[in-house]
Amino acid sequence: MALASERPDAQSRDGMSAADRKVLAGTMVGTTIEWYDFFIFAQAAGLVFATLYFGPLEGESSGLAQLVAWATIGISFFFRPLGAVIAGRLGDRIGRKAMLVFTLVMMGSATALIGLLPTYAQIGVWAPILLMLLRILQGFSAGGEWGGAALMAVEHAPVNRRGFWGAYPQIGVPVGMILATLVLFLLRSSLSPEDFLAWGWRIPFLLSVVLIVVGYFIRAAVAESPVFKRMIERKRDTATPLRDLMRTHKRPVILAAVIFIGNNAAGYLVIAFLSSYAQRILGMPAAPVLLATLLASFGWLIFTLYGGILSDRIGRVRTFQIGYGLIFVWMIPMFLMIDTRNVWAYGIAIFVLTIGLGLSYGPMSAMYAEMFPANVRYSGIGIGYALGAILGGAFAPLIAEALLKGTGWSGSIGLYIMGLCVISFIGATLVKETKGAPLEAEEEAGAGAGRRG
């Protein structure tokens, strides 16, 4: 019985079967919900949390409430590695599918509860405490979500299309942004600022329940990863996948984290900071800004898929290098355009940014999966991804706000992102090309993490 990724017919066919489409839908739906949840939280942190949950801090220092509101985004990232460790351990032992369903329900439930959370004016200090606890739960579940989705896509894929298939969980970011931005656009267009602050901001969080139900039924119908099933048949699992990972595969974990830093930080500017910056600091109207963000999200989707496809042609490493190079050269021009306060310039600026974001995100699932052997793969890619998120996007909006306040020049934020892109570019360059690496052979699958010869 041949694996899906090793069938001769799978490597040569052009179309997808119904089972193939079900797998890709199942991997995409969870990351879509994850990033829908994260996007609406980030927008709420930029627009309402400072007033509703951290208002008393404003009396101590001007701007402190907003800085703390941004910090709530970053808190959850510290719990992503824990989620990755636990979900990775279980995913490497009991299967990818079970953990995907579990993390999906956990993430959506935490988001819906935020929509019901009383404010500081209603329950005092318990309001921000509960908000942070639910945010931590979001981070924990997100830490286990991505690794399972990435592996379900890549481990089902034909060898020569792993980059393309692996891009499907990646496009959950722009798809989640599209859904969240549409909801926010409708709300901000139909409600007064007072009504949105009073109760309208809760609606996007409560709508997460609908996404959970849809996502649950899609994921429940997806077959288990063929690589995992074959690993179990050959009894190649280990009682201590995490210990084995850190003892023998520490280098690829570190490289995986470093490679993700620049993309995650730049991505969180689009997800969290830029829309709020345009509205709060530049005084641009909410509806056009959200519409521009929506259009940029479609660009992110297209270029992420293309990044996966391109990596199947020219390799994962080269695609990452091109993506990070584009982000680097665009940072300062982007902020110059945004600071014109022209919504068209704003939209074009962030749309162009999504070219580099897509090329440095689309190949990630395939590259990471090819860097680790099957028995520690879920743990390895999940922990690497989570650590990269901590070092990259966890406090990117907070750092951006602090840089803006300290320098008065938005270009300082661009320099910060440029520095991270250099680090990630170097990290990608230190990886030996992984394209086509075997996903089953334990002694060979980790070969992609070595230095270039």
Protein backbone atom coordinates (compact mmCIF):
# COMPACT_ATOMS: atom_id res chain seq x y z
CA MET A 1 0.00 0.00 0.00
CA ALA A 2 1.67 3.23 -1.14
CA LEU A 3 1.43 6.54 0.61
CA ALA A 4 -0.39 9.42 -1.06
CA SER A 5 2.85 11.35 -1.23
CA GLU A 6 4.66 8.44 -2.95
CA ARG A 7 2.05 7.13 -5.44
CA PRO A 8 3.22 7.42 -9.03
CA ASP A 9 -0.25 8.46 -10.15
CA ALA A 10 -0.40 11.10 -7.41
CA GLN A 11 2.83 12.65 -8.66
CA SER A 12 1.67 12.92 -12.26
CA ARG A 13 -1.97 13.87 -12.03
CA ASP A 14 -3.12 17.43 -12.54
CA GLY A 15 -6.47 17.37 -10.76
CA MET A 16 -7.55 16.62 -7.21
CA SER A 17 -9.94 13.96 -6.00
CA ALA A 18 -12.82 14.67 -3.64
CA ALA A 19 -10.72 13.21 -0.82
CA ASP A 20 -7.85 15.57 -1.71
CA ARG A 21 -10.11 18.61 -1.60
CA LYS A 22 -11.53 17.45 1.72
CA VAL A 23 -8.04 17.26 3.19
CA LEU A 24 -7.10 20.73 1.99
CA ALA A 25 -10.39 22.21 3.20
CA GLY A 26 -9.86 20.57 6.58
CA THR A 27 -6.36 21.99 6.94
CA MET A 28 -7.41 25.46 5.83
CA VAL A 29 -10.54 25.80 7.95
CA GLY A 30 -8.78 25.60 11.30
CA THR A 31 -6.11 28.15 10.49
CA THR A 32 -8.82 30.37 9.03
CA ILE A 33 -10.73 30.29 12.32
CA GLU A 34 -7.50 30.76 14.29
CA TRP A 35 -6.58 33.89 12.36
CA TYR A 36 -10.12 35.20 12.27
CA ASP A 37 -10.03 35.00 16.07
CA PHE A 38 -6.59 36.60 16.28
CA PHE A 39 -7.47 39.38 13.86
CA ILE A 40 -10.62 40.46 15.65
CA PHE A 41 -8.76 40.35 18.97
CA ALA A 42 -5.95 42.46 17.53
CA GLN A 43 -8.42 44.99 16.13
CA ALA A 44 -10.26 45.12 19.45
CA ALA A 45 -6.93 45.64 21.23
CA GLY A 46 -6.23 48.60 18.97
CA LEU A 47 -9.69 50.15 19.17
CA VAL A 48 -11.64 49.25 22.33
CA PHE A 49 -9.74 47.23 24.96
CA ALA A 50 -7.73 50.21 26.22
CA THR A 51 -10.96 52.01 27.08
CA LEU A 52 -13.10 49.10 28.29
CA TYR A 53 -10.57 46.95 30.15
CA PHE A 54 -7.53 49.07 30.97
CA GLY A 55 -9.03 52.55 31.28
CA PRO A 56 -7.74 53.28 34.81
CA LEU A 57 -4.15 52.97 33.57
CA GLU A 58 -4.61 56.01 31.36
CA GLY A 59 -4.81 58.17 34.47
CA GLU A 60 -1.35 57.05 35.53
CA SER A 61 0.38 57.78 32.22
CA SER A 62 -0.89 58.95 28.86
CA GLY A 63 -0.88 56.10 26.36
CA LEU A 64 -0.21 53.41 28.98
CA ALA A 65 -3.65 51.81 28.58
CA GLN A 66 -3.09 51.37 24.85
CA LEU A 67 0.38 49.90 25.37
CA VAL A 68 -1.04 47.36 27.82
CA ALA A 69 -3.87 46.58 25.40
CA TRP A 70 -1.27 45.82 22.72
CA ALA A 71 0.62 43.69 25.25
CA THR A 72 -2.40 41.40 25.63
CA ILE A 73 -1.77 40.27 22.05
CA GLY A 74 1.74 39.19 22.97
CA ILE A 75 0.91 37.39 26.21
CA SER A 76 -0.71 34.48 24.42
CA PHE A 77 2.42 33.83 22.37
CA PHE A 78 4.29 32.68 25.45
CA PHE A 79 1.79 29.84 25.78
CA ARG A 80 2.07 28.77 22.16
CA PRO A 81 5.15 26.63 22.85
CA LEU A 82 3.28 24.86 25.66
CA GLY A 83 0.39 24.18 23.30
CA ALA A 84 2.84 23.01 20.65
CA VAL A 85 4.58 20.70 23.14
CA ILE A 86 1.39 19.08 24.40
CA ALA A 87 -0.39 18.91 21.04
CA GLY A 88 2.83 17.84 19.37
CA ARG A 89 3.43 15.03 21.85
CA LEU A 90 -0.14 13.79 21.47
CA GLY A 91 -0.15 14.42 17.71
CA ASP A 92 3.02 12.36 17.29
CA ARG A 93 1.49 9.55 19.32
CA ILE A 94 -2.29 9.45 18.76
CA GLY A 95 -2.56 11.21 15.42
CA ARG A 96 -2.81 14.56 13.64
CA LYS A 97 -6.59 14.47 13.16
CA ALA A 98 -7.63 14.18 16.82
CA MET A 99 -5.50 17.16 17.83
CA LEU A 100 -6.82 19.28 14.96
CA VAL A 101 -10.39 18.85 16.14
CA PHE A 102 -9.46 19.50 19.78
CA THR A 103 -7.49 22.70 19.12
CA LEU A 104 -10.22 24.00 16.82
CA VAL A 105 -12.90 23.73 19.49
CA MET A 106 -10.64 25.21 22.18
CA MET A 107 -9.69 28.25 20.12
CA GLY A 108 -13.24 29.05 19.04
CA SER A 109 -14.67 28.62 22.53
CA ALA A 110 -12.17 31.07 24.03
CA THR A 111 -13.00 33.62 21.33
CA ALA A 112 -16.75 33.33 21.86
CA LEU A 113 -16.31 33.80 25.62
CA ILE A 114 -14.42 37.05 25.03
CA GLY A 115 -17.56 38.30 23.29
CA LEU A 116 -19.50 37.71 26.53
CA LEU A 117 -16.89 39.13 28.91
CA PRO A 118 -17.99 41.97 31.24
CA THR A 119 -15.96 45.19 31.20
CA TYR A 120 -13.87 46.85 33.92
CA ALA A 121 -16.79 49.13 34.73
CA GLN A 122 -18.94 46.07 35.45
CA ILE A 123 -16.68 43.70 37.41
CA GLY A 124 -13.54 45.70 38.10
CA VAL A 125 -10.09 44.15 37.95
CA TRP A 126 -11.51 40.71 37.13
CA ALA A 127 -12.35 41.97 33.63
CA PRO A 128 -8.74 42.40 32.43
CA ILE A 129 -7.68 39.24 34.30
CA LEU A 130 -10.32 37.13 32.57
CA LEU A 131 -9.52 38.77 29.24
CA MET A 132 -5.88 37.77 29.59
CA LEU A 133 -6.80 34.23 30.69
CA LEU A 134 -8.96 33.73 27.60
CA ARG A 135 -6.19 35.21 25.48
CA ILE A 136 -3.78 32.67 26.99
CA LEU A 137 -6.21 29.88 26.09
CA GLN A 138 -6.25 31.20 22.54
CA GLY A 139 -2.47 31.09 22.43
CA PHE A 140 -2.30 27.57 23.86
CA SER A 141 -4.69 26.20 21.26
CA ALA A 142 -3.02 28.14 18.43
CA GLY A 143 0.29 26.57 19.41
CA GLY A 144 -1.08 23.13 18.63
CA GLU A 145 -3.24 24.11 15.66
CA TRP A 146 -0.77 25.08 12.98
CA GLY A 147 1.54 22.08 13.20
CA GLY A 148 -1.26 19.57 12.79
CA ALA A 149 -2.81 21.45 9.88
CA ALA A 150 0.52 21.81 8.10
CA LEU A 151 1.31 18.12 8.46
CA MET A 152 -2.12 16.95 7.33
CA ALA A 153 -1.63 18.91 4.10
CA VAL A 154 2.01 18.06 3.41
CA GLU A 155 1.85 14.40 4.45
CA HIS A 156 -1.09 13.81 2.10
CA ALA A 157 0.53 15.66 -0.80
CA PRO A 158 2.27 14.29 -3.89
CA VAL A 159 6.03 14.82 -3.58
CA ASN A 160 6.21 17.42 -6.35
CA ARG A 161 3.25 19.44 -5.00
CA ARG A 162 4.01 19.63 -1.28
CA GLY A 163 4.65 23.36 -1.46
CA PHE A 164 1.28 24.02 -3.11
CA TRP A 165 -0.68 21.69 -0.80
CA GLY A 166 1.18 23.03 2.22
CA ALA A 167 0.15 26.57 1.28
CA TYR A 168 -3.50 25.76 2.04
CA PRO A 169 -3.19 25.94 5.84
CA GLN A 170 -1.10 29.08 5.28
CA ILE A 171 -3.87 30.89 3.42
CA GLY A 172 -5.94 30.59 6.58
CA VAL A 173 -4.24 33.86 7.59
CA PRO A 174 -5.60 36.00 4.71
CA VAL A 175 -8.92 34.11 4.58
CA GLY A 176 -9.39 34.70 8.31
CA MET A 177 -8.50 38.35 7.79
CA ILE A 178 -10.99 38.62 4.94
CA LEU A 179 -13.81 37.21 7.06
CA ALA A 180 -12.92 39.35 10.07
CA THR A 181 -12.47 42.50 8.01
CA LEU A 182 -15.81 42.00 6.26
CA VAL A 183 -17.57 41.66 9.61
CA LEU A 184 -15.78 44.71 11.04
CA PHE A 185 -16.41 46.72 7.88
CA LEU A 186 -20.15 46.04 8.07
CA LEU A 187 -20.25 46.90 11.76
CA ARG A 188 -18.19 50.08 11.51
CA SER A 189 -20.27 51.20 8.50
CA SER A 190 -23.64 50.58 10.14
CA LEU A 191 -22.99 51.48 13.79
CA SER A 192 -22.05 54.73 15.39
CA PRO A 193 -18.66 54.81 17.20
CA GLU A 194 -20.56 54.89 20.50
CA ASP A 195 -22.62 51.78 19.68
CA PHE A 196 -19.57 49.92 18.39
CA LEU A 197 -17.70 50.67 21.64
CA ALA A 198 -20.72 49.79 23.78
CA TRP A 199 -21.68 46.43 22.24
CA GLY A 200 -20.92 46.17 18.52
CA TRP A 201 -17.33 44.97 19.02
CA ARG A 202 -18.68 41.80 20.67
CA ILE A 203 -20.47 40.54 17.55
CA PRO A 204 -17.36 39.33 15.66
CA PHE A 205 -16.30 37.30 18.72
CA LEU A 206 -19.71 35.66 19.09
CA LEU A 207 -19.84 34.80 15.38
CA SER A 208 -16.87 32.52 16.00
CA VAL A 209 -19.37 29.91 17.22
CA VAL A 210 -20.68 29.52 13.67
CA LEU A 211 -17.17 28.99 12.35
CA ILE A 212 -16.46 26.35 15.01
CA VAL A 213 -19.50 24.29 14.02
CA VAL A 214 -18.64 24.44 10.31
CA GLY A 215 -14.98 23.69 10.95
CA TYR A 216 -15.74 20.76 13.25
CA PHE A 217 -17.79 18.90 10.64
CA ILE A 218 -15.21 19.56 7.92
CA ARG A 219 -12.32 18.32 10.02
CA ALA A 220 -14.19 15.33 11.40
CA ALA A 221 -14.56 14.02 7.84
CA VAL A 222 -10.83 14.22 7.01
CA ALA A 223 -8.81 10.99 6.97
CA GLU A 224 -5.76 10.59 9.18
CA SER A 225 -2.37 11.45 7.69
CA PRO A 226 -1.02 8.50 5.64
CA VAL A 227 2.52 9.13 6.91
CA PHE A 228 1.32 8.88 10.51
CA LYS A 229 -0.63 5.69 9.78
CA ARG A 230 2.39 4.09 8.15
CA MET A 231 4.59 5.18 11.08
CA ILE A 232 2.22 3.42 13.48
CA GLU A 233 2.14 0.31 11.29
CA ARG A 234 5.93 0.20 11.45
CA LYS A 235 5.85 1.00 15.18
CA ARG A 236 8.28 3.87 14.75
CA ASP A 237 6.66 6.04 17.40
CA THR A 238 8.60 6.96 20.49
CA ALA A 239 7.59 7.24 24.13
CA THR A 240 9.42 10.55 24.47
CA PRO A 241 9.09 12.49 21.18
CA LEU A 242 9.93 15.81 22.82
CA ARG A 243 13.08 14.48 24.47
CA ASP A 244 14.17 12.88 21.21
CA LEU A 245 13.43 16.11 19.35
CA MET A 246 15.54 18.32 21.61
CA ARG A 247 18.37 15.80 21.83
CA THR A 248 18.82 15.08 18.13
CA HIS A 249 16.97 17.82 16.22
CA LYS A 250 17.61 21.00 18.19
CA ARG A 251 19.23 22.77 15.23
CA PRO A 252 16.21 22.52 12.86
CA VAL A 253 13.92 23.70 15.69
CA ILE A 254 16.07 26.81 16.15
CA LEU A 255 16.28 27.43 12.41
CA ALA A 256 12.52 27.02 12.03
CA ALA A 257 12.00 29.67 14.70
CA VAL A 258 14.51 32.09 13.18
CA ILE A 259 13.06 31.72 9.67
CA PHE A 260 9.58 32.71 10.88
CA ILE A 261 10.53 35.83 12.88
CA GLY A 262 10.52 38.39 10.08
CA ASN A 263 7.35 37.16 8.40
CA ASN A 264 5.39 37.01 11.64
CA ALA A 265 6.44 40.49 12.74
CA ALA A 266 5.65 42.06 9.36
CA GLY A 267 2.41 40.11 9.18
CA TYR A 268 1.29 41.42 12.54
CA LEU A 269 1.71 44.96 11.29
CA VAL A 270 -1.00 44.18 8.74
CA ILE A 271 -3.08 42.10 11.13
CA ALA A 272 -2.95 44.39 14.15
CA PHE A 273 -1.06 47.66 13.91
CA LEU A 274 -1.47 49.42 10.57
CA SER A 275 -5.26 49.62 10.54
CA SER A 276 -5.29 51.00 14.08
CA TYR A 277 -2.42 53.40 13.27
CA ALA A 278 -4.27 54.74 10.24
CA GLN A 279 -7.43 55.35 12.25
CA ARG A 280 -6.08 56.48 15.64
CA ILE A 281 -2.95 58.39 14.68
CA LEU A 282 -3.52 59.51 11.10
CA GLY A 283 -7.24 60.16 11.53
CA MET A 284 -8.30 58.18 8.46
CA PRO A 285 -11.95 57.02 8.38
CA ALA A 286 -12.54 53.44 9.54
CA ALA A 287 -14.58 52.06 6.64
CA PRO A 288 -12.12 52.90 3.80
CA VAL A 289 -9.19 51.67 5.88
CA LEU A 290 -10.91 48.34 6.53
CA LEU A 291 -11.85 48.05 2.86
CA ALA A 292 -8.22 48.63 1.86
CA THR A 293 -7.14 45.99 4.38
CA LEU A 294 -9.70 43.62 2.90
CA LEU A 295 -8.29 44.06 -0.61
CA ALA A 296 -4.75 43.56 0.69
CA SER A 297 -5.91 40.31 2.31
CA PHE A 298 -6.82 38.97 -1.12
CA GLY A 299 -3.31 39.81 -2.24
CA TRP A 300 -1.90 37.94 0.74
CA LEU A 301 -4.01 34.90 -0.19
CA ILE A 302 -2.90 34.91 -3.84
CA PHE A 303 0.79 35.39 -3.11
CA THR A 304 0.81 32.78 -0.34
CA LEU A 305 -0.56 30.17 -2.74
CA TYR A 306 1.93 31.33 -5.36
CA GLY A 307 4.72 31.09 -2.79
CA GLY A 308 3.89 27.42 -2.28
CA ILE A 309 3.77 26.80 -6.03
CA LEU A 310 7.02 28.69 -6.63
CA SER A 311 8.79 26.68 -3.94
CA ASP A 312 7.87 23.48 -5.80
CA ARG A 313 9.69 24.90 -8.82
CA ILE A 314 12.74 26.77 -7.53
CA GLY A 315 12.99 25.40 -3.99
CA ARG A 316 11.87 26.46 -0.52
CA VAL A 317 15.05 28.36 0.42
CA ARG A 318 15.16 30.53 -2.70
CA THR A 319 11.47 31.40 -2.35
CA PHE A 320 12.00 32.49 1.27
CA GLN A 321 14.98 34.61 0.24
CA ILE A 322 12.99 36.40 -2.45
CA GLY A 323 10.10 37.03 -0.05
CA TYR A 324 12.28 38.50 2.67
CA GLY A 325 14.19 40.61 0.17
CA LEU A 326 10.92 42.15 -1.03
CA ILE A 327 9.73 42.93 2.50
CA PHE A 328 13.10 44.51 3.33
CA VAL A 329 13.17 46.93 0.38
CA TRP A 330 9.49 47.90 0.76
CA MET A 331 9.38 48.85 4.44
CA ILE A 332 10.40 52.52 4.26
CA PRO A 333 8.47 53.30 1.03
CA MET A 334 5.42 51.64 2.59
CA PHE A 335 5.38 53.95 5.61
CA LEU A 336 6.01 57.00 3.42
CA MET A 337 2.90 56.11 1.42
CA ILE A 338 0.77 55.37 4.49
CA ASP A 339 1.72 58.67 6.11
CA THR A 340 0.21 60.59 3.19
CA ARG A 341 -3.18 59.86 4.81
CA ASN A 342 -4.51 58.89 1.39
CA VAL A 343 -6.56 55.70 1.54
CA TRP A 344 -5.49 54.66 -1.98
CA ALA A 345 -1.84 55.02 -1.03
CA TYR A 346 -2.53 53.09 2.16
CA GLY A 347 -4.18 50.26 0.25
CA ILE A 348 -1.42 50.02 -2.37
CA ALA A 349 1.26 50.12 0.33
CA ILE A 350 -0.02 47.14 2.28
CA PHE A 351 -1.01 45.24 -0.88
CA VAL A 352 2.58 45.38 -2.13
CA LEU A 353 3.77 44.22 1.30
CA THR A 354 1.65 41.08 0.93
CA ILE A 355 3.79 39.96 -2.04
CA GLY A 356 6.78 39.45 0.22
CA LEU A 357 4.61 38.13 3.03
CA GLY A 358 3.09 35.48 0.77
CA LEU A 359 6.41 34.31 -0.66
CA SER A 360 7.92 34.00 2.82
CA TYR A 361 4.88 32.18 4.24
CA GLY A 362 3.52 29.91 1.51
CA PRO A 363 6.49 27.45 1.49
CA MET A 364 6.66 27.16 5.27
CA SER A 365 4.53 24.05 5.82
CA ALA A 366 6.43 22.00 3.24
CA MET A 367 9.86 23.20 4.31
CA TYR A 368 9.28 22.61 8.00
CA ALA A 369 7.76 19.16 7.45
CA GLU A 370 10.75 18.16 5.33
CA MET A 371 13.15 19.24 8.09
CA PHE A 372 11.98 16.65 10.66
CA PRO A 373 11.46 12.85 10.79
CA ALA A 374 7.87 11.64 11.16
CA ASN A 375 8.06 10.53 14.80
CA VAL A 376 8.96 14.03 16.07
CA ARG A 377 7.61 16.09 13.18
CA TYR A 378 4.46 17.47 14.84
CA SER A 379 6.43 18.52 17.91
CA GLY A 380 9.31 19.91 15.86
CA ILE A 381 7.40 22.15 13.50
CA GLY A 382 4.92 23.23 16.19
CA ILE A 383 7.62 24.31 18.65
CA GLY A 384 9.73 25.98 15.96
CA TYR A 385 6.71 27.89 14.69
CA ALA A 386 5.65 28.90 18.21
CA LEU A 387 9.12 30.16 19.17
CA GLY A 388 9.31 32.14 15.94
CA ALA A 389 5.95 33.71 16.72
CA ILE A 390 7.19 34.78 20.18
CA LEU A 391 10.34 36.36 18.78
CA GLY A 392 8.53 37.89 15.81
CA GLY A 393 4.88 38.85 16.13
CA ALA A 394 4.17 38.51 19.85
CA PHE A 395 5.00 42.10 20.69
CA ALA A 396 5.40 43.58 17.22
CA PRO A 397 2.37 45.93 17.65
CA LEU A 398 3.59 46.92 21.13
CA ILE A 399 7.13 47.58 19.87
CA ALA A 400 5.74 49.48 16.89
CA GLU A 401 3.64 51.67 19.20
CA ALA A 402 6.62 52.30 21.49
CA LEU A 403 8.91 53.16 18.57
CA LEU A 404 6.34 55.55 17.17
CA LYS A 405 5.87 57.22 20.53
CA GLY A 406 9.61 57.39 21.22
CA THR A 407 10.81 58.63 17.83
CA GLY A 408 7.77 60.29 16.31
CA TRP A 409 8.82 58.71 13.00
CA SER A 410 6.92 55.78 11.52
CA GLY A 411 10.00 54.79 9.54
CA SER A 412 11.58 53.55 12.78
CA ILE A 413 9.04 50.73 12.69
CA GLY A 414 10.18 49.93 9.17
CA LEU A 415 13.81 49.72 10.32
CA TYR A 416 12.79 47.34 13.09
CA ILE A 417 11.06 45.00 10.62
CA MET A 418 13.98 45.24 8.20
CA GLY A 419 16.35 44.04 10.92
CA LEU A 420 14.16 41.01 11.63
CA CYS A 421 13.96 40.21 7.92
CA VAL A 422 17.76 40.13 7.73
CA ILE A 423 17.84 37.62 10.60
CA SER A 424 15.22 35.40 8.95
CA PHE A 425 16.94 35.65 5.56
CA ILE A 426 20.14 34.36 7.13
CA GLY A 427 18.20 31.58 8.88
CA ALA A 428 16.70 30.41 5.60
CA THR A 429 20.10 30.55 3.91
CA LEU A 430 21.57 28.23 6.56
CA VAL A 431 19.08 25.50 5.62
CA LYS A 432 20.08 22.98 2.99
CA GLU A 433 17.33 22.81 0.35
CA THR A 434 14.59 20.44 1.56
CA LYS A 435 12.44 20.15 -1.58
CA GLY A 436 11.68 16.48 -2.25
CA ALA A 437 13.15 15.19 1.02
CA PRO A 438 11.56 11.84 2.03
CA LEU A 439 8.88 12.21 4.71
CA GLU A 440 9.07 8.67 6.04
CA ALA A 441 12.72 7.72 6.36
CA GLU A 442 13.66 8.80 9.88
CA GLU A 443 17.35 8.78 9.10
CA GLU A 444 16.90 10.98 6.01
CA ALA A 445 13.99 13.33 6.72
CA GLY A 446 15.98 15.61 8.97
CA ALA A 447 18.62 16.20 6.35
CA GLY A 448 17.11 19.51 5.29
CA ALA A 449 18.30 21.28 8.41
CA GLY A 450 22.02 21.10 7.69
CA ARG A 451 24.26 23.86 6.43
CA ARG A 452 24.75 24.40 2.78
CA GLY A 453 27.68 22.44 1.46
